[in-house]
């Protein structure tokens, strides 16, 4: 589980190895751009590839900084999802609290979600509200 100290590890990387920090952040930024472009294109294969790239970029940032952004169970799930035509990545700050799964088709998504459940992950079903976020 992610802790407040993990954020400090990533921030500390900037101080003691700025070049490595910049390379890692550039990979994360590029993967996020690919993700946005894939969403706009509507191509499932592009979306899966973008999520894989983001997972890999976040894993590299975590490894370089010593922060567990991609946990071992999440890394294992991502590896097992790959041949199914699916991809898994941490969402938010990482550390195993919330992740997302995308797949090229519904059967692959269901297979990965079943696999994830067997590994102790809980499935959250979310919808987009037509009104979006509202300040009350």
N, C-alpha and C. Protein backbone atom coordinates (compact mmCIF):
# COMPACT_ATOMS: atom_id res chain seq x y z
N UNK A 1 0.85 -1.18 0.00
CA UNK A 1 0.00 0.00 0.00
C UNK A 1 0.89 1.24 0.00
N UNK A 2 0.50 2.19 -0.77
CA UNK A 2 1.23 3.44 -0.89
C UNK A 2 1.21 4.20 0.44
N UNK A 3 2.32 4.86 0.73
CA UNK A 3 2.38 5.70 1.91
C UNK A 3 2.83 7.09 1.51
N UNK A 4 2.63 8.04 2.40
CA UNK A 4 3.03 9.42 2.14
C UNK A 4 4.51 9.50 1.82
N UNK A 5 5.31 8.67 2.45
CA UNK A 5 6.75 8.67 2.23
C UNK A 5 7.14 8.31 0.81
N UNK A 6 6.27 7.55 0.10
CA UNK A 6 6.57 7.19 -1.28
C UNK A 6 6.63 8.43 -2.16
N UNK A 7 5.72 9.39 -1.93
CA UNK A 7 5.75 10.65 -2.68
C UNK A 7 7.09 11.35 -2.47
N UNK A 8 7.58 11.29 -1.26
CA UNK A 8 8.86 11.92 -0.95
C UNK A 8 10.00 11.23 -1.68
N UNK A 9 9.91 9.93 -1.88
CA UNK A 9 10.96 9.21 -2.60
C UNK A 9 11.04 9.66 -4.06
N UNK A 10 9.89 9.82 -4.68
CA UNK A 10 9.87 10.30 -6.07
C UNK A 10 10.41 11.72 -6.12
N UNK A 11 9.98 12.55 -5.20
CA UNK A 11 10.47 13.93 -5.16
C UNK A 11 11.97 13.97 -4.88
N UNK A 12 12.44 13.07 -4.02
CA UNK A 12 13.88 13.03 -3.70
C UNK A 12 14.70 12.66 -4.93
N UNK A 13 14.16 11.79 -5.78
CA UNK A 13 14.87 11.42 -7.00
C UNK A 13 15.21 12.66 -7.82
N UNK A 14 14.29 13.61 -7.87
CA UNK A 14 14.53 14.85 -8.60
C UNK A 14 15.78 15.55 -8.06
N UNK A 15 15.97 15.49 -6.74
CA UNK A 15 17.11 16.17 -6.12
C UNK A 15 18.43 15.47 -6.30
N UNK A 16 18.44 14.13 -6.22
CA UNK A 16 19.73 13.46 -6.28
C UNK A 16 20.09 12.91 -7.66
N UNK A 17 19.12 12.83 -8.58
CA UNK A 17 19.43 12.40 -9.95
C UNK A 17 18.42 13.02 -10.90
N UNK A 18 18.59 14.30 -11.14
CA UNK A 18 17.62 15.05 -11.95
C UNK A 18 17.47 14.47 -13.35
N UNK A 19 18.56 14.00 -13.93
CA UNK A 19 18.48 13.44 -15.29
C UNK A 19 17.60 12.20 -15.31
N UNK A 20 17.76 11.31 -14.32
CA UNK A 20 16.92 10.11 -14.26
C UNK A 20 15.47 10.48 -14.01
N UNK A 21 15.24 11.43 -13.12
CA UNK A 21 13.88 11.90 -12.84
C UNK A 21 13.24 12.43 -14.12
N UNK A 22 13.97 13.27 -14.85
CA UNK A 22 13.44 13.86 -16.08
C UNK A 22 13.12 12.78 -17.12
N UNK A 23 13.99 11.78 -17.24
CA UNK A 23 13.73 10.69 -18.19
C UNK A 23 12.47 9.93 -17.81
N UNK A 24 12.33 9.62 -16.52
CA UNK A 24 11.15 8.89 -16.06
C UNK A 24 9.88 9.69 -16.28
N UNK A 25 9.91 10.95 -15.94
CA UNK A 25 8.72 11.79 -16.09
C UNK A 25 8.39 11.97 -17.58
N UNK A 26 9.39 12.05 -18.42
CA UNK A 26 9.14 12.16 -19.87
C UNK A 26 8.42 10.92 -20.38
N UNK A 27 8.82 9.74 -19.89
CA UNK A 27 8.14 8.49 -20.29
C UNK A 27 6.70 8.49 -19.81
N UNK A 28 6.47 8.92 -18.58
CA UNK A 28 5.11 8.97 -18.04
C UNK A 28 4.26 9.95 -18.85
N UNK A 29 4.82 11.10 -19.16
CA UNK A 29 4.11 12.12 -19.92
C UNK A 29 3.78 11.62 -21.33
N UNK A 30 4.74 10.99 -21.98
CA UNK A 30 4.50 10.44 -23.33
C UNK A 30 3.41 9.37 -23.29
N UNK A 31 3.46 8.51 -22.29
CA UNK A 31 2.44 7.45 -22.18
C UNK A 31 1.07 8.05 -21.93
N UNK A 32 1.00 9.09 -21.12
CA UNK A 32 -0.29 9.76 -20.86
C UNK A 32 -0.82 10.40 -22.14
N UNK A 33 0.05 10.97 -22.95
CA UNK A 33 -0.36 11.54 -24.23
C UNK A 33 -0.88 10.46 -25.17
N UNK A 34 -0.20 9.32 -25.20
CA UNK A 34 -0.65 8.20 -26.02
C UNK A 34 -2.02 7.71 -25.56
N UNK A 35 -2.21 7.70 -24.24
CA UNK A 35 -3.49 7.27 -23.67
C UNK A 35 -4.61 8.19 -24.16
N UNK A 36 -4.39 9.50 -24.07
CA UNK A 36 -5.39 10.46 -24.52
C UNK A 36 -5.69 10.32 -26.00
N UNK A 37 -4.64 10.16 -26.80
CA UNK A 37 -4.83 9.99 -28.24
C UNK A 37 -5.59 8.70 -28.55
N UNK A 38 -5.30 7.64 -27.81
CA UNK A 38 -5.99 6.37 -28.03
C UNK A 38 -7.47 6.48 -27.66
N UNK A 39 -7.77 7.21 -26.59
CA UNK A 39 -9.17 7.42 -26.23
C UNK A 39 -9.90 8.17 -27.34
N UNK A 40 -9.25 9.19 -27.89
CA UNK A 40 -9.85 9.97 -28.96
C UNK A 40 -10.05 9.15 -30.23
N UNK A 41 -9.09 8.26 -30.53
CA UNK A 41 -9.19 7.47 -31.76
C UNK A 41 -10.23 6.37 -31.65
N UNK A 42 -10.46 5.91 -30.42
CA UNK A 42 -11.42 4.82 -30.22
C UNK A 42 -10.89 3.46 -30.61
N UNK A 43 -9.59 3.34 -30.87
CA UNK A 43 -9.00 2.07 -31.27
C UNK A 43 -8.59 1.28 -30.02
N UNK A 44 -9.26 0.14 -29.77
CA UNK A 44 -8.94 -0.64 -28.56
C UNK A 44 -7.48 -1.10 -28.49
N UNK A 45 -6.90 -1.48 -29.61
CA UNK A 45 -5.51 -1.94 -29.59
C UNK A 45 -4.56 -0.79 -29.21
N UNK A 46 -4.84 0.41 -29.70
CA UNK A 46 -4.03 1.57 -29.32
C UNK A 46 -4.17 1.88 -27.84
N UNK A 47 -5.38 1.73 -27.30
CA UNK A 47 -5.60 2.00 -25.88
C UNK A 47 -4.85 0.99 -25.03
N UNK A 48 -4.92 -0.28 -25.39
CA UNK A 48 -4.18 -1.31 -24.64
C UNK A 48 -2.69 -1.01 -24.68
N UNK A 49 -2.17 -0.65 -25.85
CA UNK A 49 -0.74 -0.34 -25.97
C UNK A 49 -0.36 0.88 -25.12
N UNK A 50 -1.22 1.87 -25.10
CA UNK A 50 -0.95 3.08 -24.30
C UNK A 50 -0.95 2.76 -22.81
N UNK A 51 -1.88 1.93 -22.37
CA UNK A 51 -1.93 1.55 -20.96
C UNK A 51 -0.69 0.74 -20.59
N UNK A 52 -0.26 -0.14 -21.46
CA UNK A 52 0.98 -0.89 -21.21
C UNK A 52 2.17 0.05 -21.09
N UNK A 53 2.23 1.04 -21.98
CA UNK A 53 3.33 2.00 -21.94
C UNK A 53 3.30 2.79 -20.63
N UNK A 54 2.11 3.15 -20.19
CA UNK A 54 2.00 3.91 -18.93
C UNK A 54 2.40 3.03 -17.75
N UNK A 55 1.96 1.78 -17.75
CA UNK A 55 2.35 0.85 -16.69
C UNK A 55 3.87 0.75 -16.63
N UNK A 56 4.50 0.55 -17.78
CA UNK A 56 5.96 0.41 -17.83
C UNK A 56 6.66 1.68 -17.36
N UNK A 57 6.13 2.84 -17.75
CA UNK A 57 6.73 4.10 -17.34
C UNK A 57 6.61 4.31 -15.83
N UNK A 58 5.46 3.99 -15.28
CA UNK A 58 5.28 4.13 -13.83
C UNK A 58 6.14 3.13 -13.07
N UNK A 59 6.27 1.92 -13.61
CA UNK A 59 7.14 0.93 -12.97
C UNK A 59 8.58 1.41 -12.95
N UNK A 60 9.03 2.00 -14.06
CA UNK A 60 10.40 2.51 -14.13
C UNK A 60 10.62 3.64 -13.13
N UNK A 61 9.65 4.54 -13.02
CA UNK A 61 9.76 5.63 -12.05
C UNK A 61 9.83 5.07 -10.63
N UNK A 62 8.99 4.09 -10.34
CA UNK A 62 9.01 3.48 -9.01
C UNK A 62 10.31 2.77 -8.70
N UNK A 63 10.81 2.02 -9.68
CA UNK A 63 12.07 1.31 -9.46
C UNK A 63 13.22 2.29 -9.25
N UNK A 64 13.26 3.34 -10.06
CA UNK A 64 14.37 4.30 -9.98
C UNK A 64 14.34 5.09 -8.67
N UNK A 65 13.13 5.39 -8.18
CA UNK A 65 13.01 6.20 -6.97
C UNK A 65 12.93 5.37 -5.69
N UNK A 66 12.66 4.09 -5.83
CA UNK A 66 12.48 3.25 -4.64
C UNK A 66 11.08 3.31 -4.06
N UNK A 67 10.13 3.87 -4.79
CA UNK A 67 8.74 3.95 -4.35
C UNK A 67 7.94 2.83 -5.02
N UNK A 68 7.14 2.09 -4.28
CA UNK A 68 6.40 0.96 -4.85
C UNK A 68 5.15 1.41 -5.64
N UNK A 69 5.37 2.08 -6.76
CA UNK A 69 4.25 2.57 -7.56
C UNK A 69 3.51 1.39 -8.19
N UNK A 70 4.25 0.46 -8.77
CA UNK A 70 3.67 -0.77 -9.31
C UNK A 70 4.06 -1.88 -8.34
N UNK A 71 3.08 -2.37 -7.61
CA UNK A 71 3.35 -3.42 -6.63
C UNK A 71 3.60 -4.75 -7.34
N UNK A 72 4.17 -5.68 -6.62
CA UNK A 72 4.44 -7.01 -7.19
C UNK A 72 3.15 -7.68 -7.66
N UNK A 73 2.06 -7.66 -6.88
CA UNK A 73 0.83 -8.28 -7.40
C UNK A 73 0.31 -7.60 -8.67
N UNK A 74 0.42 -6.29 -8.75
CA UNK A 74 -0.03 -5.59 -9.95
C UNK A 74 0.86 -5.92 -11.14
N UNK A 75 2.15 -6.01 -10.91
CA UNK A 75 3.08 -6.39 -11.99
C UNK A 75 2.76 -7.79 -12.50
N UNK A 76 2.46 -8.70 -11.59
CA UNK A 76 2.12 -10.07 -11.98
C UNK A 76 0.82 -10.09 -12.78
N UNK A 77 -0.19 -9.34 -12.32
CA UNK A 77 -1.46 -9.27 -13.04
C UNK A 77 -1.24 -8.69 -14.44
N UNK A 78 -0.45 -7.63 -14.55
CA UNK A 78 -0.19 -7.01 -15.85
C UNK A 78 0.49 -8.00 -16.80
N UNK A 79 1.44 -8.77 -16.29
CA UNK A 79 2.13 -9.76 -17.12
C UNK A 79 1.17 -10.84 -17.60
N UNK A 80 0.27 -11.26 -16.74
CA UNK A 80 -0.68 -12.30 -17.12
C UNK A 80 -1.78 -11.77 -18.03
N UNK A 81 -2.06 -10.48 -17.95
CA UNK A 81 -3.09 -9.87 -18.80
C UNK A 81 -2.61 -9.68 -20.23
N UNK A 82 -1.32 -9.49 -20.41
CA UNK A 82 -0.75 -9.17 -21.73
C UNK A 82 -1.17 -10.17 -22.81
N UNK A 83 -0.97 -11.47 -22.63
CA UNK A 83 -1.35 -12.39 -23.71
C UNK A 83 -2.87 -12.49 -23.93
N UNK A 84 -3.65 -11.93 -23.03
CA UNK A 84 -5.10 -11.95 -23.18
C UNK A 84 -5.60 -10.75 -24.00
N UNK A 85 -4.69 -9.87 -24.42
CA UNK A 85 -5.10 -8.68 -25.15
C UNK A 85 -5.58 -7.58 -24.23
N UNK A 86 -5.02 -7.55 -23.03
CA UNK A 86 -5.43 -6.57 -22.02
C UNK A 86 -4.19 -5.93 -21.40
N UNK A 87 -4.42 -4.83 -20.70
CA UNK A 87 -3.34 -4.14 -20.02
C UNK A 87 -3.85 -3.60 -18.70
N UNK A 88 -2.94 -3.48 -17.74
CA UNK A 88 -3.26 -3.04 -16.39
C UNK A 88 -2.25 -1.96 -16.01
N UNK A 89 -2.71 -0.93 -15.31
CA UNK A 89 -1.79 0.11 -14.84
C UNK A 89 -2.30 0.69 -13.53
N UNK A 90 -1.38 1.22 -12.73
CA UNK A 90 -1.84 1.92 -11.53
C UNK A 90 -2.58 3.19 -11.95
N UNK A 91 -3.53 3.57 -11.15
CA UNK A 91 -4.27 4.80 -11.41
C UNK A 91 -4.10 5.70 -10.19
N UNK A 92 -3.95 6.96 -10.40
CA UNK A 92 -3.65 7.85 -9.28
C UNK A 92 -2.17 7.75 -8.99
N UNK A 93 -1.82 7.74 -7.74
CA UNK A 93 -0.42 7.75 -7.35
C UNK A 93 0.20 6.37 -7.32
N UNK A 94 -0.57 5.33 -7.54
CA UNK A 94 -0.01 3.98 -7.55
C UNK A 94 0.05 3.40 -6.15
N UNK A 95 0.88 2.40 -5.99
CA UNK A 95 1.04 1.76 -4.70
C UNK A 95 -0.01 0.71 -4.40
N UNK A 96 -0.78 0.31 -5.39
CA UNK A 96 -1.70 -0.79 -5.20
C UNK A 96 -3.09 -0.43 -4.75
N UNK A 97 -3.38 0.85 -4.56
CA UNK A 97 -4.70 1.21 -4.06
C UNK A 97 -5.77 1.11 -5.15
N UNK A 98 -5.55 1.69 -6.32
CA UNK A 98 -6.50 1.62 -7.43
C UNK A 98 -5.72 1.42 -8.72
N UNK A 99 -6.22 0.54 -9.56
CA UNK A 99 -5.62 0.29 -10.87
C UNK A 99 -6.74 0.20 -11.88
N UNK A 100 -6.38 0.30 -13.16
CA UNK A 100 -7.39 0.12 -14.20
C UNK A 100 -6.96 -1.01 -15.13
N UNK A 101 -7.96 -1.63 -15.73
CA UNK A 101 -7.76 -2.68 -16.71
C UNK A 101 -8.47 -2.25 -17.98
N UNK A 102 -7.80 -2.37 -19.10
CA UNK A 102 -8.44 -2.16 -20.40
C UNK A 102 -8.15 -3.39 -21.25
N UNK A 103 -9.07 -3.69 -22.16
CA UNK A 103 -8.90 -4.86 -23.01
C UNK A 103 -9.46 -4.56 -24.39
N UNK A 104 -9.02 -5.35 -25.34
CA UNK A 104 -9.48 -5.17 -26.71
C UNK A 104 -10.91 -5.65 -26.91
N UNK A 105 -11.40 -6.51 -26.00
CA UNK A 105 -12.78 -6.96 -26.11
C UNK A 105 -13.32 -7.35 -24.74
N UNK A 106 -14.61 -7.51 -24.66
CA UNK A 106 -15.29 -7.80 -23.39
C UNK A 106 -14.85 -9.12 -22.77
N UNK A 107 -14.62 -10.15 -23.61
CA UNK A 107 -14.19 -11.45 -23.08
C UNK A 107 -12.82 -11.34 -22.39
N UNK A 108 -11.92 -10.60 -23.00
CA UNK A 108 -10.59 -10.42 -22.40
C UNK A 108 -10.71 -9.64 -21.09
N UNK A 109 -11.56 -8.62 -21.08
CA UNK A 109 -11.75 -7.84 -19.86
C UNK A 109 -12.29 -8.72 -18.74
N UNK A 110 -13.29 -9.53 -19.05
CA UNK A 110 -13.85 -10.44 -18.04
C UNK A 110 -12.82 -11.44 -17.55
N UNK A 111 -11.99 -11.95 -18.46
CA UNK A 111 -10.97 -12.92 -18.06
C UNK A 111 -9.95 -12.30 -17.12
N UNK A 112 -9.52 -11.09 -17.42
CA UNK A 112 -8.54 -10.42 -16.56
C UNK A 112 -9.18 -10.08 -15.21
N UNK A 113 -10.42 -9.63 -15.22
CA UNK A 113 -11.10 -9.31 -13.96
C UNK A 113 -11.27 -10.56 -13.10
N UNK A 114 -11.56 -11.70 -13.72
CA UNK A 114 -11.66 -12.95 -12.97
C UNK A 114 -10.31 -13.34 -12.39
N UNK A 115 -9.27 -13.21 -13.20
CA UNK A 115 -7.92 -13.49 -12.73
C UNK A 115 -7.56 -12.57 -11.57
N UNK A 116 -7.88 -11.29 -11.71
CA UNK A 116 -7.59 -10.30 -10.66
C UNK A 116 -8.32 -10.65 -9.37
N UNK A 117 -9.58 -11.05 -9.49
CA UNK A 117 -10.34 -11.42 -8.29
C UNK A 117 -9.69 -12.60 -7.57
N UNK A 118 -9.19 -13.54 -8.34
CA UNK A 118 -8.50 -14.69 -7.76
C UNK A 118 -7.19 -14.32 -7.09
N UNK A 119 -6.65 -13.16 -7.44
CA UNK A 119 -5.41 -12.68 -6.85
C UNK A 119 -5.67 -11.72 -5.68
N UNK A 120 -6.95 -11.50 -5.36
CA UNK A 120 -7.29 -10.66 -4.22
C UNK A 120 -7.67 -9.23 -4.57
N UNK A 121 -7.72 -8.90 -5.85
CA UNK A 121 -8.15 -7.56 -6.26
C UNK A 121 -9.67 -7.48 -6.20
N UNK A 122 -10.20 -6.33 -5.88
CA UNK A 122 -11.65 -6.11 -5.87
C UNK A 122 -12.02 -5.26 -7.08
N UNK A 123 -13.09 -5.61 -7.75
CA UNK A 123 -13.53 -4.87 -8.94
C UNK A 123 -14.44 -3.73 -8.52
N UNK A 124 -14.13 -2.55 -9.02
CA UNK A 124 -14.97 -1.38 -8.81
C UNK A 124 -15.64 -1.06 -10.14
N UNK A 125 -16.93 -0.94 -10.13
CA UNK A 125 -17.65 -0.58 -11.34
C UNK A 125 -18.02 0.89 -11.22
N UNK A 126 -17.64 1.66 -12.22
CA UNK A 126 -17.90 3.09 -12.19
C UNK A 126 -18.59 3.50 -13.49
N UNK A 127 -19.37 4.55 -13.39
CA UNK A 127 -20.04 5.13 -14.54
C UNK A 127 -19.72 6.60 -14.59
N UNK A 128 -19.90 7.16 -15.76
CA UNK A 128 -19.73 8.59 -15.92
C UNK A 128 -21.10 9.23 -15.78
N UNK A 129 -21.21 10.21 -14.90
CA UNK A 129 -22.45 10.92 -14.70
C UNK A 129 -22.58 11.98 -15.79
N UNK A 130 -23.77 12.11 -16.35
CA UNK A 130 -23.99 13.08 -17.43
C UNK A 130 -23.67 14.50 -16.99
N UNK A 131 -23.84 14.80 -15.69
CA UNK A 131 -23.55 16.14 -15.17
C UNK A 131 -22.09 16.34 -14.82
N UNK A 132 -21.31 15.26 -14.74
CA UNK A 132 -19.92 15.36 -14.36
C UNK A 132 -19.79 15.71 -12.88
N UNK A 133 -18.68 16.28 -12.51
CA UNK A 133 -18.43 16.65 -11.13
C UNK A 133 -19.17 17.97 -10.85
N UNK A 134 -19.87 18.00 -9.73
CA UNK A 134 -20.63 19.19 -9.36
C UNK A 134 -20.23 19.61 -7.97
N UNK A 135 -19.92 20.87 -7.79
CA UNK A 135 -19.60 21.43 -6.48
C UNK A 135 -20.92 21.78 -5.79
N UNK A 136 -21.16 21.16 -4.65
CA UNK A 136 -22.42 21.44 -3.92
C UNK A 136 -22.16 22.20 -2.67
